[in-house]
């Protein structure tokens, strides 16, 4: 139904008293570029920033298989599909 593009802005890591990671919180922002984009549309982020000029996303991850997988600066597509229930 909709696809957005976000960049990882921050990753907060939460550890227990033994230093074992228990979770991570990701903070992401819609892609944007200071100074504008090329008029020929050659920068894909241009398409996303034009129609969704701002946005924030935050999620807490508790799945150990995902710890350390998200890096500040990496970009991800977010696909939104309506749930039936």
Protein backbone atom coordinates (compact mmCIF):
# COMPACT_ATOMS: atom_id res chain seq x y z
CA UNK A 1 0.00 0.00 0.00
CA UNK A 2 2.89 2.36 0.78
CA UNK A 3 6.67 2.19 0.84
CA UNK A 4 8.84 4.62 2.79
CA UNK A 5 12.59 4.90 3.13
CA UNK A 6 14.22 5.52 6.51
CA UNK A 7 17.79 5.98 7.77
CA UNK A 8 19.00 4.65 11.13
CA UNK A 9 19.72 7.71 13.26
CA UNK A 10 20.54 6.04 16.57
CA UNK A 11 20.86 2.59 18.13
CA UNK A 12 20.57 2.37 21.92
CA UNK A 13 21.89 -0.89 23.38
CA UNK A 14 20.59 -2.19 26.71
CA UNK A 15 22.74 -4.64 28.68
CA UNK A 16 22.18 -6.50 31.93
CA UNK A 17 24.57 -6.34 34.91
CA UNK A 18 26.77 -8.98 33.26
CA UNK A 19 27.14 -6.95 30.06
CA UNK A 20 24.87 -9.21 28.02
CA UNK A 21 22.72 -7.35 25.50
CA UNK A 22 19.04 -7.62 26.40
CA UNK A 23 17.63 -5.31 23.76
CA UNK A 24 18.18 -2.47 21.33
CA UNK A 25 16.06 0.53 20.48
CA UNK A 26 16.30 1.85 16.92
CA UNK A 27 15.48 5.43 16.09
CA UNK A 28 14.99 6.12 12.38
CA UNK A 29 14.11 9.19 10.31
CA UNK A 30 12.71 9.52 6.81
CA UNK A 31 15.48 10.02 4.26
CA UNK A 32 16.33 13.60 3.46
CA UNK A 33 19.28 15.50 2.12
CA UNK A 34 20.44 18.96 3.01
CA UNK A 35 20.90 21.24 0.03
CA UNK A 36 18.32 19.61 -2.21
CA UNK A 37 18.37 16.88 -4.80
CA UNK A 38 19.34 16.75 -8.47
CA UNK A 39 16.48 17.86 -10.72
CA UNK A 40 16.88 14.81 -12.94
CA UNK A 41 15.76 12.54 -10.05
CA UNK A 42 18.99 10.54 -10.15
CA UNK A 43 19.06 10.28 -6.34
CA UNK A 44 16.48 7.69 -5.25
CA UNK A 45 16.08 9.37 -1.85
CA UNK A 46 14.66 12.32 -3.77
CA UNK A 47 11.49 10.38 -4.59
CA UNK A 48 10.88 9.43 -0.98
CA UNK A 49 11.73 12.83 0.47
CA UNK A 50 9.47 14.60 -2.00
CA UNK A 51 6.32 12.72 -1.01
CA UNK A 52 7.18 11.96 2.63
CA UNK A 53 9.35 14.91 3.64
CA UNK A 54 9.49 13.99 7.32
CA UNK A 55 8.90 11.03 9.57
CA UNK A 56 10.19 9.28 12.67
CA UNK A 57 10.15 5.61 13.61
CA UNK A 58 11.23 4.00 16.86
CA UNK A 59 11.16 0.30 17.69
CA UNK A 60 12.56 -1.79 20.53
CA UNK A 61 14.12 -5.10 19.49
CA UNK A 62 14.27 -8.03 21.90
CA UNK A 63 15.25 -10.71 19.36
CA UNK A 64 18.92 -11.66 19.99
CA UNK A 65 19.29 -12.69 16.33
CA UNK A 66 18.85 -9.02 15.37
CA UNK A 67 21.23 -7.45 17.90
CA UNK A 68 24.02 -5.57 16.16
CA UNK A 69 22.40 -5.86 12.72
CA UNK A 70 21.28 -2.23 12.47
CA UNK A 71 24.00 0.39 11.97
CA UNK A 72 23.68 4.17 12.16
CA UNK A 73 23.52 5.57 8.65
CA UNK A 74 22.11 2.44 7.01
CA UNK A 75 18.87 2.90 5.05
CA UNK A 76 15.84 0.62 5.01
CA UNK A 77 12.61 0.41 3.08
CA UNK A 78 9.49 0.19 5.21
CA UNK A 79 6.53 -1.43 3.54
CA UNK A 80 3.11 -0.72 4.99
CA UNK A 81 0.38 -3.26 4.31
CA UNK A 82 -2.99 -3.04 6.01
CA UNK A 83 -3.60 -5.81 8.53
CA UNK A 84 -6.99 -7.44 8.31
CA UNK A 85 -7.36 -7.67 12.08
